PDB file of N, CA and C in Angstrom:
ATOM      1  N   MET A   1      67.929 136.242 123.694  1.00  0.00           N
ATOM      2  CA  MET A   1      67.467 134.956 123.191  1.00  0.00           C
ATOM      3  C   MET A   1      68.096 134.625 121.835  1.00  0.00           C
ATOM      4  N   LYS A   2      68.159 135.656 120.984  1.00  0.00           N
ATOM      5  CA  LYS A   2      68.789 135.451 119.662  1.00  0.00           C
ATOM      6  C   LYS A   2      70.259 135.086 119.814  1.00  0.00           C
ATOM      7  N   TYR A   3      70.908 135.679 120.792  1.00  0.00           N
ATOM      8  CA  TYR A   3      72.308 135.410 121.047  1.00  0.00           C
ATOM      9  C   TYR A   3      72.536 133.933 121.372  1.00  0.00           C
ATOM     10  N   TYR A   4      71.695 133.384 122.220  1.00  0.00           N
ATOM     11  CA  TYR A   4      71.832 131.974 122.627  1.00  0.00           C
ATOM     12  C   TYR A   4      71.587 131.043 121.450  1.00  0.00           C
ATOM     13  N   LEU A   5      70.616 131.359 120.646  1.00  0.00           N
ATOM     14  CA  LEU A   5      70.330 130.536 119.464  1.00  0.00           C
ATOM     15  C   LEU A   5      71.500 130.595 118.472  1.00  0.00           C
ATOM     16  N   MET A   6      72.108 131.755 118.329  1.00  0.00           N
ATOM     17  CA  MET A   6      73.268 131.891 117.444  1.00  0.00           C
ATOM     18  C   MET A   6      74.438 131.067 117.940  1.00  0.00           C
ATOM     19  N   VAL A   7      74.702 131.121 119.238  1.00  0.00           N
ATOM     20  CA  VAL A   7      75.810 130.341 119.819  1.00  0.00           C
ATOM     21  C   VAL A   7      75.547 128.857 119.655  1.00  0.00           C
ATOM     22  N   ILE A   8      74.360 128.402 119.901  1.00  0.00           N
ATOM     23  CA  ILE A   8      74.018 126.999 119.740  1.00  0.00           C
ATOM     24  C   ILE A   8      74.178 126.567 118.293  1.00  0.00           C
ATOM     25  N   ALA A   9      73.754 127.396 117.355  1.00  0.00           N
ATOM     26  CA  ALA A   9      73.889 127.079 115.937  1.00  0.00           C
ATOM     27  C   ALA A   9      75.354 126.973 115.524  1.00  0.00           C
ATOM     28  N   ILE A  10      76.172 127.863 116.006  1.00  0.00           N
ATOM     29  CA  ILE A  10      77.603 127.825 115.687  1.00  0.00           C
ATOM     30  C   ILE A  10      78.253 126.592 116.276  1.00  0.00           C
ATOM     31  N   LEU A  11      77.987 126.285 117.536  1.00  0.00           N
ATOM     32  CA  LEU A  11      78.553 125.099 118.152  1.00  0.00           C
ATOM     33  C   LEU A  11      78.082 123.812 117.442  1.00  0.00           C
ATOM     34  N   PHE A  12      76.850 123.768 117.071  1.00  0.00           N
ATOM     35  CA  PHE A  12      76.318 122.608 116.352  1.00  0.00           C
ATOM     36  C   PHE A  12      77.026 122.417 115.021  1.00  0.00           C
ATOM     37  N   SER A  13      77.305 123.526 114.337  1.00  0.00           N
ATOM     38  CA  SER A  13      77.998 123.415 113.031  1.00  0.00           C
ATOM     39  C   SER A  13      79.409 122.887 113.210  1.00  0.00           C
ATOM     40  N   PHE A  14      80.106 123.262 114.261  1.00  0.00           N
ATOM     41  CA  PHE A  14      81.442 122.716 114.517  1.00  0.00           C
ATOM     42  C   PHE A  14      81.404 121.256 114.767  1.00  0.00           C
ATOM     43  N   VAL A  15      80.421 120.776 115.499  1.00  0.00           N
ATOM     44  CA  VAL A  15      80.306 119.360 115.827  1.00  0.00           C
ATOM     45  C   VAL A  15      79.993 118.561 114.550  1.00  0.00           C
ATOM     46  N   THR A  16      79.153 119.071 113.688  1.00  0.00           N
ATOM     47  CA  THR A  16      78.817 118.323 112.489  1.00  0.00           C
ATOM     48  C   THR A  16      79.975 118.313 111.486  1.00  0.00           C
ATOM     49  N   ILE A  17      80.786 119.350 111.461  1.00  0.00           N
ATOM     50  CA  ILE A  17      81.938 119.374 110.566  1.00  0.00           C
ATOM     51  C   ILE A  17      83.023 118.392 111.044  1.00  0.00           C
ATOM     52  N   ALA A  18      83.133 118.235 112.334  1.00  0.00           N
ATOM     53  CA  ALA A  18      84.193 117.391 112.912  1.00  0.00           C
ATOM     54  C   ALA A  18      83.956 115.905 112.696  1.00  0.00           C
ATOM     55  N   GLN A  19      82.738 115.500 112.383  1.00  0.00           N
ATOM     56  CA  GLN A  19      82.401 114.100 112.239  1.00  0.00           C
ATOM     57  C   GLN A  19      82.727 113.645 110.808  1.00  0.00           C
ATOM     58  N   PRO A  20      83.379 112.477 110.668  1.00  0.00           N
ATOM     59  CA  PRO A  20      83.674 111.984 109.308  1.00  0.00           C
ATOM     60  C   PRO A  20      82.400 111.526 108.638  1.00  0.00           C
ATOM     61  N   ASN A  21      82.328 111.740 107.316  1.00  0.00           N
ATOM     62  CA  ASN A  21      81.153 111.261 106.573  1.00  0.00           C
ATOM     63  C   ASN A  21      81.445 109.869 106.022  1.00  0.00           C
ATOM     64  N   SER A  22      80.444 109.255 105.422  1.00  0.00           N
ATOM     65  CA  SER A  22      80.592 107.881 104.944  1.00  0.00           C
ATOM     66  C   SER A  22      81.548 107.771 103.747  1.00  0.00           C
ATOM     67  N   LYS A  23      81.792 108.851 103.032  1.00  0.00           N
ATOM     68  CA  LYS A  23      82.661 108.816 101.851  1.00  0.00           C
ATOM     69  C   LYS A  23      84.120 109.116 102.177  1.00  0.00           C
ATOM     70  N   SER A  24      84.414 109.535 103.398  1.00  0.00           N
ATOM     71  CA  SER A  24      85.773 109.943 103.739  1.00  0.00           C
ATOM     72  C   SER A  24      86.725 108.788 103.911  1.00  0.00           C
ATOM     73  N   GLY A  25      86.232 107.577 104.142  1.00  0.00           N
ATOM     74  CA  GLY A  25      87.107 106.432 104.342  1.00  0.00           C
ATOM     75  C   GLY A  25      87.624 106.298 105.778  1.00  0.00           C
ATOM     76  N   ILE A  26      87.269 107.227 106.630  1.00  0.00           N
ATOM     77  CA  ILE A  26      87.658 107.171 108.031  1.00  0.00           C
ATOM     78  C   ILE A  26      86.699 106.279 108.759  1.00  0.00           C
ATOM     79  N   LYS A  27      87.212 105.229 109.391  1.00  0.00           N
ATOM     80  CA  LYS A  27      86.353 104.301 110.115  1.00  0.00           C
ATOM     81  C   LYS A  27      86.809 104.206 111.560  1.00  0.00           C
ATOM     82  N   ASN A  28      85.866 104.037 112.451  1.00  0.00           N
ATOM     83  CA  ASN A  28      86.183 103.772 113.836  1.00  0.00           C
ATOM     84  C   ASN A  28      86.563 102.306 113.939  1.00  0.00           C
ATOM     85  N   GLY A  29      87.533 102.037 114.798  1.00  0.00           N
ATOM     86  CA  GLY A  29      87.936 100.647 114.945  1.00  0.00           C
ATOM     87  C   GLY A  29      88.736 100.437 116.194  1.00  0.00           C
ATOM     88  N   SER A  30      89.272  99.263 116.334  1.00  0.00           N
ATOM     89  CA  SER A  30      90.073  98.983 117.502  1.00  0.00           C
ATOM     90  C   SER A  30      91.199  98.043 117.111  1.00  0.00           C
ATOM     91  N   ILE A  31      92.223  98.041 117.928  1.00  0.00           N
ATOM     92  CA  ILE A  31      93.373  97.164 117.768  1.00  0.00           C
ATOM     93  C   ILE A  31      93.469  96.358 119.047  1.00  0.00           C
ATOM     94  N   SER A  32      93.595  95.081 118.911  1.00  0.00           N
ATOM     95  CA  SER A  32      93.738  94.257 120.103  1.00  0.00           C
ATOM     96  C   SER A  32      94.855  93.257 119.878  1.00  0.00           C
ATOM     97  N   GLY A  33      95.421  92.805 120.966  1.00  0.00           N
ATOM     98  CA  GLY A  33      96.491  91.801 120.893  1.00  0.00           C
ATOM     99  C   GLY A  33      97.394  91.899 122.109  1.00  0.00           C
ATOM    100  N   ARG A  34      98.551  91.278 122.003  1.00  0.00           N
ATOM    101  CA  ARG A  34      99.509  91.231 123.101  1.00  0.00           C
ATOM    102  C   ARG A  34     100.845  91.812 122.617  1.00  0.00           C
ATOM    103  N   VAL A  35     101.522  92.485 123.519  1.00  0.00           N
ATOM    104  CA  VAL A  35     102.886  92.958 123.230  1.00  0.00           C
ATOM    105  C   VAL A  35     103.814  92.080 124.047  1.00  0.00           C
ATOM    106  N   MET A  36     104.722  91.432 123.333  1.00  0.00           N
ATOM    107  CA  MET A  36     105.598  90.437 123.972  1.00  0.00           C
ATOM    108  C   MET A  36     107.043  90.921 123.964  1.00  0.00           C
ATOM    109  N   ASP A  37     107.774  90.613 125.003  1.00  0.00           N
ATOM    110  CA  ASP A  37     109.227  90.807 125.045  1.00  0.00           C
ATOM    111  C   ASP A  37     109.864  89.598 124.362  1.00  0.00           C
ATOM    112  N   THR A  38     110.625  89.860 123.275  1.00  0.00           N
ATOM    113  CA  THR A  38     111.175  88.765 122.501  1.00  0.00           C
ATOM    114  C   THR A  38     112.251  88.001 123.268  1.00  0.00           C
ATOM    115  N   ASN A  39     113.010  88.669 124.126  1.00  0.00           N
ATOM    116  CA  ASN A  39     114.034  87.957 124.872  1.00  0.00           C
ATOM    117  C   ASN A  39     113.481  87.109 126.002  1.00  0.00           C
ATOM    118  N   LEU A  40     112.554  87.648 126.749  1.00  0.00           N
ATOM    119  CA  LEU A  40     112.017  86.929 127.915  1.00  0.00           C
ATOM    120  C   LEU A  40     110.804  86.078 127.574  1.00  0.00           C
ATOM    121  N   LYS A  41     110.217  86.267 126.381  1.00  0.00           N
ATOM    122  CA  LYS A  41     109.015  85.558 125.966  1.00  0.00           C
ATOM    123  C   LYS A  41     107.877  85.764 126.948  1.00  0.00           C
ATOM    124  N   GLN A  42     107.770  86.975 127.478  1.00  0.00           N
ATOM    125  CA  GLN A  42     106.723  87.303 128.425  1.00  0.00           C
ATOM    126  C   GLN A  42     105.912  88.480 127.926  1.00  0.00           C
ATOM    127  N   GLN A  43     104.681  88.486 128.373  1.00  0.00           N
ATOM    128  CA  GLN A  43     103.781  89.597 128.004  1.00  0.00           C
ATOM    129  C   GLN A  43     104.175  90.837 128.795  1.00  0.00           C
ATOM    130  N   LEU A  44     104.175  92.017 128.119  1.00  0.00           N
ATOM    131  CA  LEU A  44     104.478  93.276 128.766  1.00  0.00           C
ATOM    132  C   LEU A  44     103.193  93.933 129.249  1.00  0.00           C
ATOM    133  N   SER A  45     103.165  94.328 130.492  1.00  0.00           N
ATOM    134  CA  SER A  45     102.005  94.983 131.070  1.00  0.00           C
ATOM    135  C   SER A  45     102.041  96.481 130.900  1.00  0.00           C
ATOM    136  N   TYR A  46     100.864  97.082 130.816  1.00  0.00           N
ATOM    137  CA  TYR A  46     100.683  98.534 130.756  1.00  0.00           C
ATOM    138  C   TYR A  46     101.476  99.181 129.621  1.00  0.00           C
ATOM    139  N   VAL A  47     101.360  98.614 128.429  1.00  0.00           N
ATOM    140  CA  VAL A  47     102.050  99.122 127.250  1.00  0.00           C
ATOM    141  C   VAL A  47     101.082 100.027 126.480  1.00  0.00           C
ATOM    142  N   ASN A  48     101.589 101.177 126.017  1.00  0.00           N
ATOM    143  CA  ASN A  48     100.822 102.076 125.174  1.00  0.00           C
ATOM    144  C   ASN A  48     101.297 101.912 123.723  1.00  0.00           C
ATOM    145  N   ILE A  49     100.353 101.874 122.811  1.00  0.00           N
ATOM    146  CA  ILE A  49     100.643 101.747 121.380  1.00  0.00           C
ATOM    147  C   ILE A  49     100.252 103.056 120.730  1.00  0.00           C
ATOM    148  N   ILE A  50     101.158 103.606 119.928  1.00  0.00           N
ATOM    149  CA  ILE A  50     100.877 104.874 119.251  1.00  0.00           C
ATOM    150  C   ILE A  50     101.009 104.599 117.739  1.00  0.00           C
ATOM    151  N   ILE A  51      99.971 104.961 116.987  1.00  0.00           N
ATOM    152  CA  ILE A  51      99.994 104.853 115.527  1.00  0.00           C
ATOM    153  C   ILE A  51     100.328 106.233 114.993  1.00  0.00           C
ATOM    154  N   LYS A  52     101.513 106.385 114.422  1.00  0.00           N
ATOM    155  CA  LYS A  52     101.936 107.683 113.951  1.00  0.00           C
ATOM    156  C   LYS A  52     101.407 108.018 112.565  1.00  0.00           C
ATOM    157  N   ASN A  53     101.446 107.061 111.648  1.00  0.00           N
ATOM    158  CA  ASN A  53     101.005 107.305 110.289  1.00  0.00           C
ATOM    159  C   ASN A  53     100.382 106.040 109.754  1.00  0.00           C
ATOM    160  N   LYS A  54      99.072 106.082 109.555  1.00  0.00           N
ATOM    161  CA  LYS A  54      98.386 104.860 109.131  1.00  0.00           C
ATOM    162  C   LYS A  54      98.493 104.674 107.599  1.00  0.00           C
ATOM    163  N   ASP A  55      99.051 105.616 106.889  1.00  0.00           N
ATOM    164  CA  ASP A  55      99.166 105.476 105.417  1.00  0.00           C
ATOM    165  C   ASP A  55     100.352 104.639 105.006  1.00  0.00           C
ATOM    166  N   ARG A  56     101.270 104.397 105.890  1.00  0.00           N
ATOM    167  CA  ARG A  56     102.463 103.623 105.545  1.00  0.00           C
ATOM    168  C   ARG A  56     102.269 102.165 105.794  1.00  0.00           C
TER     169      ARG A  56
END
């Protein structure tokens, strides 16, 4: 029984550490819009957007 409580306590501590706090400046958000082909002036379907570095 003590073993299970110890495992739960350790897992809970990892979950709480992984969450950003209010002072960290990390906010959840979303990006929305359209990705357009400049030559064809048409919307591109099934496009993935990757943000590599948000500090720049």
